Every structure is written in structure tokens, then in C-alpha cells.
Amino acid sequence: MDDQRQVLVRAEARRITVTGVDGGAETLAYPGVTLTRVLDGTRADERWLPMGDEPSEIDDEVLVTALREAFLWRCGLP
């Protein structure tokens, strides 16, 4: 493998601002995990996975699968 591949894992909240019922702005935050694939110093891909207050087994499996795929990519495997 000649290229330099990195996988960055970051816990962060995504925020969106919406118009509330009273017409004012309301900001909502959604916690999650961002997986960033970096190829030769340049971001090649980024995926954000939400984490709810009460995660399900399905949520856990989605995260494990995404991590596995990212780490395999890091190793140069499909």
C-alpha cells in the first residue's frame, strides 16, 4: 500500500437551528460519532452516526459495522 490512510474517530454533537412554535429560533443538538477517512492528508470520506439517549442493538451494530469498514479501509482491504 503506497498511500497513507488514516481513520479519525470523533465524538461530537451536530446542531441545527429551527423555527420554534413561538416563531423564535431554537437550536437542537444531536450527539454522535464522526468517522473520517483521510487519504494522503486529504479527507476522502466522512460519516456521522447518531447516538441516541437509549441506543438499541441495531444502533450498536451500525456503529460496529462502520468502524470495521473504516479500519479495513485503513489496512487497504475492501
PDB file of N, CA and C in Angstrom:
ATOM      1  N   MET A   1       0.848  -1.169   0.000  1.00  0.00           N
ATOM      2  CA  MET A   1       0.000   0.000   0.000  1.00  0.00           C
ATOM      3  C   MET A   1       0.897   1.236   0.000  1.00  0.00           C
ATOM      4  N   ASP A   2       0.830   2.053  -1.050  1.00  0.00           N
ATOM      5  CA  ASP A   2       1.676   3.227  -1.182  1.00  0.00           C
ATOM      6  C   ASP A   2       1.054   4.463  -0.548  1.00  0.00           C
ATOM      7  N   ASP A   3      -0.270   4.513  -0.511  1.00  0.00           N
ATOM      8  CA  ASP A   3      -0.908   5.709   0.016  1.00  0.00           C
ATOM      9  C   ASP A   3      -0.979   5.673   1.541  1.00  0.00           C
ATOM     10  N   GLN A   4      -1.088   6.852   2.131  1.00  0.00           N
ATOM     11  CA  GLN A   4      -1.187   6.954   3.584  1.00  0.00           C
ATOM     12  C   GLN A   4      -2.657   7.119   3.961  1.00  0.00           C
ATOM     13  N   ARG A   5      -3.172   6.139   4.694  1.00  0.00           N
ATOM     14  CA  ARG A   5      -4.574   6.156   5.095  1.00  0.00           C
ATOM     15  C   ARG A   5      -4.682   6.282   6.605  1.00  0.00           C
ATOM     16  N   GLN A   6      -5.610   7.131   7.035  1.00  0.00           N
ATOM     17  CA  GLN A   6      -5.895   7.294   8.450  1.00  0.00           C
ATOM     18  C   GLN A   6      -7.404   7.242   8.654  1.00  0.00           C
ATOM     19  N   VAL A   7      -7.811   6.789   9.817  1.00  0.00           N
ATOM     20  CA  VAL A   7      -9.213   6.841  10.219  1.00  0.00           C
ATOM     21  C   VAL A   7      -9.271   7.635  11.511  1.00  0.00           C
ATOM     22  N   LEU A   8     -10.066   8.692  11.502  1.00  0.00           N
ATOM     23  CA  LEU A   8     -10.245   9.520  12.688  1.00  0.00           C
ATOM     24  C   LEU A   8     -11.632   9.245  13.259  1.00  0.00           C
ATOM     25  N   VAL A   9     -11.695   9.030  14.557  1.00  0.00           N
ATOM     26  CA  VAL A   9     -12.962   8.775  15.249  1.00  0.00           C
ATOM     27  C   VAL A   9     -13.163   9.907  16.249  1.00  0.00           C
ATOM     28  N   ARG A  10     -14.307  10.591  16.135  1.00  0.00           N
ATOM     29  CA  ARG A  10     -14.540  11.775  16.961  1.00  0.00           C
ATOM     30  C   ARG A  10     -15.981  11.775  17.473  1.00  0.00           C
ATOM     31  N   ALA A  11     -16.145  11.947  18.771  1.00  0.00           N
ATOM     32  CA  ALA A  11     -17.481  12.111  19.356  1.00  0.00           C
ATOM     33  C   ALA A  11     -17.822  13.594  19.292  1.00  0.00           C
ATOM     34  N   GLU A  12     -19.003  13.915  18.776  1.00  0.00           N
ATOM     35  CA  GLU A  12     -19.395  15.313  18.659  1.00  0.00           C
ATOM     36  C   GLU A  12     -20.910  15.426  18.545  1.00  0.00           C
ATOM     37  N   ALA A  13     -21.396  16.613  18.737  1.00  0.00           N
ATOM     38  CA  ALA A  13     -22.827  16.866  18.581  1.00  0.00           C
ATOM     39  C   ALA A  13     -23.041  17.712  17.327  1.00  0.00           C
ATOM     40  N   ARG A  14     -24.017  17.354  16.564  1.00  0.00           N
ATOM     41  CA  ARG A  14     -24.421  18.163  15.417  1.00  0.00           C
ATOM     42  C   ARG A  14     -25.567  19.050  15.886  1.00  0.00           C
ATOM     43  N   ARG A  15     -25.530  20.286  15.465  1.00  0.00           N
ATOM     44  CA  ARG A  15     -26.550  21.230  15.888  1.00  0.00           C
ATOM     45  C   ARG A  15     -27.309  21.769  14.679  1.00  0.00           C
ATOM     46  N   ILE A  16     -28.603  21.897  14.855  1.00  0.00           N
ATOM     47  CA  ILE A  16     -29.421  22.518  13.822  1.00  0.00           C
ATOM     48  C   ILE A  16     -30.285  23.577  14.498  1.00  0.00           C
ATOM     49  N   THR A  17     -30.592  24.620  13.758  1.00  0.00           N
ATOM     50  CA  THR A  17     -31.456  25.671  14.259  1.00  0.00           C
ATOM     51  C   THR A  17     -32.743  25.651  13.455  1.00  0.00           C
ATOM     52  N   VAL A  18     -33.844  25.619  14.169  1.00  0.00           N
ATOM     53  CA  VAL A  18     -35.173  25.575  13.536  1.00  0.00           C
ATOM     54  C   VAL A  18     -36.023  26.692  14.121  1.00  0.00           C
ATOM     55  N   THR A  19     -37.105  26.981  13.439  1.00  0.00           N
ATOM     56  CA  THR A  19     -38.047  27.954  13.945  1.00  0.00           C
ATOM     57  C   THR A  19     -38.965  27.268  14.942  1.00  0.00           C
ATOM     58  N   GLY A  20     -39.003  27.807  16.151  1.00  0.00           N
ATOM     59  CA  GLY A  20     -39.836  27.231  17.202  1.00  0.00           C
ATOM     60  C   GLY A  20     -41.303  27.600  17.020  1.00  0.00           C
ATOM     61  N   VAL A  21     -42.151  27.069  17.886  1.00  0.00           N
ATOM     62  CA  VAL A  21     -43.591  27.319  17.801  1.00  0.00           C
ATOM     63  C   VAL A  21     -43.904  28.805  17.973  1.00  0.00           C
ATOM     64  N   ASP A  22     -43.106  29.485  18.765  1.00  0.00           N
ATOM     65  CA  ASP A  22     -43.351  30.910  19.008  1.00  0.00           C
ATOM     66  C   ASP A  22     -42.721  31.799  17.934  1.00  0.00           C
ATOM     67  N   GLY A  23     -42.115  31.196  16.915  1.00  0.00           N
ATOM     68  CA  GLY A  23     -41.500  31.954  15.826  1.00  0.00           C
ATOM     69  C   GLY A  23     -40.033  32.261  16.061  1.00  0.00           C
ATOM     70  N   GLY A  24     -39.549  32.017  17.271  1.00  0.00           N
ATOM     71  CA  GLY A  24     -38.134  32.255  17.567  1.00  0.00           C
ATOM     72  C   GLY A  24     -37.274  31.081  17.135  1.00  0.00           C
ATOM     73  N   ALA A  25     -35.977  31.294  17.128  1.00  0.00           N
ATOM     74  CA  ALA A  25     -35.039  30.236  16.734  1.00  0.00           C
ATOM     75  C   ALA A  25     -34.797  29.296  17.907  1.00  0.00           C
ATOM     76  N   GLU A  26     -34.768  28.021  17.605  1.00  0.00           N
ATOM     77  CA  GLU A  26     -34.489  27.002  18.616  1.00  0.00           C
ATOM     78  C   GLU A  26     -33.368  26.120  18.081  1.00  0.00           C
ATOM     79  N   THR A  27     -32.358  25.874  18.910  1.00  0.00           N
ATOM     80  CA  THR A  27     -31.224  25.038  18.498  1.00  0.00           C
ATOM     81  C   THR A  27     -31.349  23.667  19.137  1.00  0.00           C
ATOM     82  N   LEU A  28     -31.237  22.655  18.307  1.00  0.00           N
ATOM     83  CA  LEU A  28     -31.296  21.267  18.766  1.00  0.00           C
ATOM     84  C   LEU A  28     -29.932  20.630  18.553  1.00  0.00           C
ATOM     85  N   ALA A  29     -29.504  19.822  19.510  1.00  0.00           N
ATOM     86  CA  ALA A  29     -28.210  19.143  19.406  1.00  0.00           C
ATOM     87  C   ALA A  29     -28.431  17.640  19.380  1.00  0.00           C
ATOM     88  N   TYR A  30     -27.719  16.960  18.486  1.00  0.00           N
ATOM     89  CA  TYR A  30     -27.795  15.512  18.355  1.00  0.00           C
ATOM     90  C   TYR A  30     -26.397  14.940  18.557  1.00  0.00           C
ATOM     91  N   PRO A  31     -26.168  14.168  19.625  1.00  0.00           N
ATOM     92  CA  PRO A  31     -24.837  13.579  19.826  1.00  0.00           C
ATOM     93  C   PRO A  31     -24.593  12.456  18.824  1.00  0.00           C
ATOM     94  N   GLY A  32     -23.329  12.261  18.484  1.00  0.00           N
ATOM     95  CA  GLY A  32     -22.995  11.199  17.549  1.00  0.00           C
ATOM     96  C   GLY A  32     -21.499  10.971  17.470  1.00  0.00           C
ATOM     97  N   VAL A  33     -21.124  10.115  16.535  1.00  0.00           N
ATOM     98  CA  VAL A  33     -19.725   9.771  16.270  1.00  0.00           C
ATOM     99  C   VAL A  33     -19.453  10.072  14.805  1.00  0.00           C
ATOM    100  N   THR A  34     -18.360  10.769  14.546  1.00  0.00           N
ATOM    101  CA  THR A  34     -17.951  11.046  13.173  1.00  0.00           C
ATOM    102  C   THR A  34     -16.739  10.192  12.847  1.00  0.00           C
ATOM    103  N   LEU A  35     -16.829   9.438  11.755  1.00  0.00           N
ATOM    104  CA  LEU A  35     -15.712   8.651  11.235  1.00  0.00           C
ATOM    105  C   LEU A  35     -15.205   9.358   9.985  1.00  0.00           C
ATOM    106  N   THR A  36     -13.942   9.754  10.005  1.00  0.00           N
ATOM    107  CA  THR A  36     -13.356  10.450   8.863  1.00  0.00           C
ATOM    108  C   THR A  36     -12.236   9.602   8.296  1.00  0.00           C
ATOM    109  N   ARG A  37     -12.295   9.364   6.998  1.00  0.00           N
ATOM    110  CA  ARG A  37     -11.217   8.651   6.307  1.00  0.00           C
ATOM    111  C   ARG A  37     -10.334   9.697   5.630  1.00  0.00           C
ATOM    112  N   VAL A  38      -9.036   9.629   5.910  1.00  0.00           N
ATOM    113  CA  VAL A  38      -8.080  10.588   5.364  1.00  0.00           C
ATOM    114  C   VAL A  38      -7.103   9.829   4.478  1.00  0.00           C
ATOM    115  N   LEU A  39      -6.975  10.274   3.247  1.00  0.00           N
ATOM    116  CA  LEU A  39      -6.085   9.641   2.270  1.00  0.00           C
ATOM    117  C   LEU A  39      -5.028  10.655   1.860  1.00  0.00           C
ATOM    118  N   ASP A  40      -3.767  10.359   2.171  1.00  0.00           N
ATOM    119  CA  ASP A  40      -2.642  11.244   1.844  1.00  0.00           C
ATOM    120  C   ASP A  40      -2.881  12.669   2.337  1.00  0.00           C
ATOM    121  N   GLY A  41      -3.420  12.808   3.566  1.00  0.00           N
ATOM    122  CA  GLY A  41      -3.617  14.116   4.166  1.00  0.00           C
ATOM    123  C   GLY A  41      -4.886  14.847   3.765  1.00  0.00           C
ATOM    124  N   THR A  42      -5.687  14.247   2.890  1.00  0.00           N
ATOM    125  CA  THR A  42      -6.916  14.874   2.421  1.00  0.00           C
ATOM    126  C   THR A  42      -8.119  14.046   2.833  1.00  0.00           C
ATOM    127  N   ARG A  43      -9.157  14.717   3.340  1.00  0.00           N
ATOM    128  CA  ARG A  43     -10.361  13.989   3.739  1.00  0.00           C
ATOM    129  C   ARG A  43     -10.971  13.305   2.518  1.00  0.00           C
ATOM    130  N   ALA A  44     -11.092  11.990   2.582  1.00  0.00           N
ATOM    131  CA  ALA A  44     -11.636  11.209   1.482  1.00  0.00           C
ATOM    132  C   ALA A  44     -13.119  10.895   1.691  1.00  0.00           C
ATOM    133  N   ASP A  45     -13.524  10.792   2.961  1.00  0.00           N
ATOM    134  CA  ASP A  45     -14.905  10.430   3.261  1.00  0.00           C
ATOM    135  C   ASP A  45     -15.186  10.785   4.713  1.00  0.00           C
ATOM    136  N   GLU A  46     -16.439  11.079   4.993  1.00  0.00           N
ATOM    137  CA  GLU A  46     -16.826  11.345   6.375  1.00  0.00           C
ATOM    138  C   GLU A  46     -18.229  10.806   6.585  1.00  0.00           C
ATOM    139  N   ARG A  47     -18.417  10.158   7.724  1.00  0.00           N
ATOM    140  CA  ARG A  47     -19.731   9.593   8.049  1.00  0.00           C
ATOM    141  C   ARG A  47     -20.048   9.914   9.504  1.00  0.00           C
ATOM    142  N   TRP A  48     -21.234  10.455   9.738  1.00  0.00           N
ATOM    143  CA  TRP A  48     -21.691  10.778  11.085  1.00  0.00           C
ATOM    144  C   TRP A  48     -22.769   9.785  11.474  1.00  0.00           C
ATOM    145  N   LEU A  49     -22.622   9.199  12.643  1.00  0.00           N
ATOM    146  CA  LEU A  49     -23.584   8.217  13.145  1.00  0.00           C
ATOM    147  C   LEU A  49     -24.207   8.758  14.426  1.00  0.00           C
ATOM    148  N   PRO A  50     -25.527   8.931  14.450  1.00  0.00           N
ATOM    149  CA  PRO A  50     -26.166   9.464  15.656  1.00  0.00           C
ATOM    150  C   PRO A  50     -26.128   8.473  16.804  1.00  0.00           C
ATOM    151  N   MET A  51     -26.075   9.014  18.024  1.00  0.00           N
ATOM    152  CA  MET A  51     -26.152   8.197  19.230  1.00  0.00           C
ATOM    153  C   MET A  51     -27.341   8.721  20.036  1.00  0.00           C
ATOM    154  N   GLY A  52     -28.340   7.905  20.211  1.00  0.00           N
ATOM    155  CA  GLY A  52     -29.496   8.330  20.973  1.00  0.00           C
ATOM    156  C   GLY A  52     -29.290   8.156  22.467  1.00  0.00           C
ATOM    157  N   ASP A  53     -30.236   8.672  23.239  1.00  0.00           N
ATOM    158  CA  ASP A  53     -30.174   8.529  24.695  1.00  0.00           C
ATOM    159  C   ASP A  53     -30.302   7.074  25.115  1.00  0.00           C
ATOM    160  N   GLU A  54     -31.072   6.320  24.360  1.00  0.00           N
ATOM    161  CA  GLU A  54     -31.273   4.903  24.655  1.00  0.00           C
ATOM    162  C   GLU A  54     -30.961   4.090  23.395  1.00  0.00           C
ATOM    163  N   PRO A  55     -29.667   3.847  23.132  1.00  0.00           N
ATOM    164  CA  PRO A  55     -29.301   3.148  21.897  1.00  0.00           C
ATOM    165  C   PRO A  55     -29.815   1.715  21.885  1.00  0.00           C
ATOM    166  N   SER A  56     -30.166   1.271  20.702  1.00  0.00           N
ATOM    167  CA  SER A  56     -30.655  -0.093  20.524  1.00  0.00           C
ATOM    168  C   SER A  56     -29.512  -0.982  20.049  1.00  0.00           C
ATOM    169  N   GLU A  57     -29.779  -2.279  19.989  1.00  0.00           N
ATOM    170  CA  GLU A  57     -28.779  -3.206  19.438  1.00  0.00           C
ATOM    171  C   GLU A  57     -28.499  -2.869  17.981  1.00  0.00           C
ATOM    172  N   ILE A  58     -29.521  -2.415  17.273  1.00  0.00           N
ATOM    173  CA  ILE A  58     -29.340  -2.043  15.864  1.00  0.00           C
ATOM    174  C   ILE A  58     -28.372  -0.860  15.767  1.00  0.00           C
ATOM    175  N   ASP A  59     -28.535   0.152  16.653  1.00  0.00           N
ATOM    176  CA  ASP A  59     -27.613   1.290  16.663  1.00  0.00           C
ATOM    177  C   ASP A  59     -26.176   0.817  16.898  1.00  0.00           C
ATOM    178  N   ASP A  60     -26.009  -0.089  17.858  1.00  0.00           N
ATOM    179  CA  ASP A  60     -24.680  -0.622  18.160  1.00  0.00           C
ATOM    180  C   ASP A  60     -24.094  -1.357  16.964  1.00  0.00           C
ATOM    181  N   GLU A  61     -24.913  -2.161  16.292  1.00  0.00           N
ATOM    182  CA  GLU A  61     -24.432  -2.918  15.132  1.00  0.00           C
ATOM    183  C   GLU A  61     -24.031  -1.993  13.989  1.00  0.00           C
ATOM    184  N   VAL A  62     -24.780  -0.908  13.784  1.00  0.00           N
ATOM    185  CA  VAL A  62     -24.435   0.061  12.734  1.00  0.00           C
ATOM    186  C   VAL A  62     -23.077   0.686  13.031  1.00  0.00           C
ATOM    187  N   LEU A  63     -22.841   1.047  14.291  1.00  0.00           N
ATOM    188  CA  LEU A  63     -21.562   1.638  14.677  1.00  0.00           C
ATOM    189  C   LEU A  63     -20.417   0.643  14.514  1.00  0.00           C
ATOM    190  N   VAL A  64     -20.601  -0.581  14.974  1.00  0.00           N
ATOM    191  CA  VAL A  64     -19.561  -1.603  14.857  1.00  0.00           C
ATOM    192  C   VAL A  64     -19.237  -1.872  13.382  1.00  0.00           C
ATOM    193  N   THR A  65     -20.265  -1.973  12.550  1.00  0.00           N
ATOM    194  CA  THR A  65     -20.057  -2.215  11.112  1.00  0.00           C
ATOM    195  C   THR A  65     -19.294  -1.055  10.471  1.00  0.00           C
ATOM    196  N   ALA A  66     -19.675   0.178  10.798  1.00  0.00           N
ATOM    197  CA  ALA A  66     -18.991   1.346  10.231  1.00  0.00           C
ATOM    198  C   ALA A  66     -17.529   1.399  10.666  1.00  0.00           C
ATOM    199  N   LEU A  67     -17.269   1.107  11.941  1.00  0.00           N
ATOM    200  CA  LEU A  67     -15.885   1.071  12.419  1.00  0.00           C
ATOM    201  C   LEU A  67     -15.083  -0.009  11.707  1.00  0.00           C
ATOM    202  N   ARG A  68     -15.672  -1.182  11.571  1.00  0.00           N
ATOM    203  CA  ARG A  68     -14.994  -2.301  10.907  1.00  0.00           C
ATOM    204  C   ARG A  68     -14.635  -1.931   9.465  1.00  0.00           C
ATOM    205  N   GLU A  69     -15.593  -1.365   8.736  1.00  0.00           N
ATOM    206  CA  GLU A  69     -15.352  -0.979   7.342  1.00  0.00           C
ATOM    207  C   GLU A  69     -14.250   0.076   7.254  1.00  0.00           C
ATOM    208  N   ALA A  70     -14.279   1.044   8.166  1.00  0.00           N
ATOM    209  CA  ALA A  70     -13.265   2.105   8.152  1.00  0.00           C
ATOM    210  C   ALA A  70     -11.874   1.538   8.449  1.00  0.00           C
ATOM    211  N   PHE A  71     -11.785   0.648   9.420  1.00  0.00           N
ATOM    212  CA  PHE A  71     -10.484   0.078   9.765  1.00  0.00           C
ATOM    213  C   PHE A  71      -9.965  -0.858   8.670  1.00  0.00           C
ATOM    214  N   LEU A  72     -10.853  -1.590   8.026  1.00  0.00           N
ATOM    215  CA  LEU A  72     -10.424  -2.408   6.883  1.00  0.00           C
ATOM    216  C   LEU A  72      -9.909  -1.513   5.757  1.00  0.00           C
ATOM    217  N   TRP A  73     -10.599  -0.391   5.511  1.00  0.00           N
ATOM    218  CA  TRP A  73     -10.148   0.562   4.503  1.00  0.00           C
ATOM    219  C   TRP A  73      -8.752   1.066   4.863  1.00  0.00           C
ATOM    220  N   ARG A  74      -8.540   1.353   6.155  1.00  0.00           N
ATOM    221  CA  ARG A  74      -7.244   1.827   6.646  1.00  0.00           C
ATOM    222  C   ARG A  74      -6.135   0.836   6.313  1.00  0.00           C
ATOM    223  N   CYS A  75      -6.463  -0.451   6.384  1.00  0.00           N
ATOM    224  CA  CYS A  75      -5.488  -1.510   6.107  1.00  0.00           C
ATOM    225  C   CYS A  75      -5.338  -1.784   4.609  1.00  0.00           C
ATOM    226  N   GLY A  76      -6.128  -1.089   3.777  1.00  0.00           N
ATOM    227  CA  GLY A  76      -6.053  -1.291   2.338  1.00  0.00           C
ATOM    228  C   GLY A  76      -6.879  -2.459   1.836  1.00  0.00           C
ATOM    229  N   LEU A  77      -7.811  -2.936   2.674  1.00  0.00           N
ATOM    230  CA  LEU A  77      -8.675  -4.044   2.271  1.00  0.00           C
ATOM    231  C   LEU A  77     -10.041  -3.498   1.861  1.00  0.00           C
ATOM    232  N   PRO A  78     -10.777  -4.275   1.050  1.00  0.00           N
ATOM    233  CA  PRO A  78     -12.092  -3.775   0.588  1.00  0.00           C
ATOM    234  C   PRO A  78     -13.086  -3.603   1.702  1.00  0.00           C
TER     235      PRO A  78
END
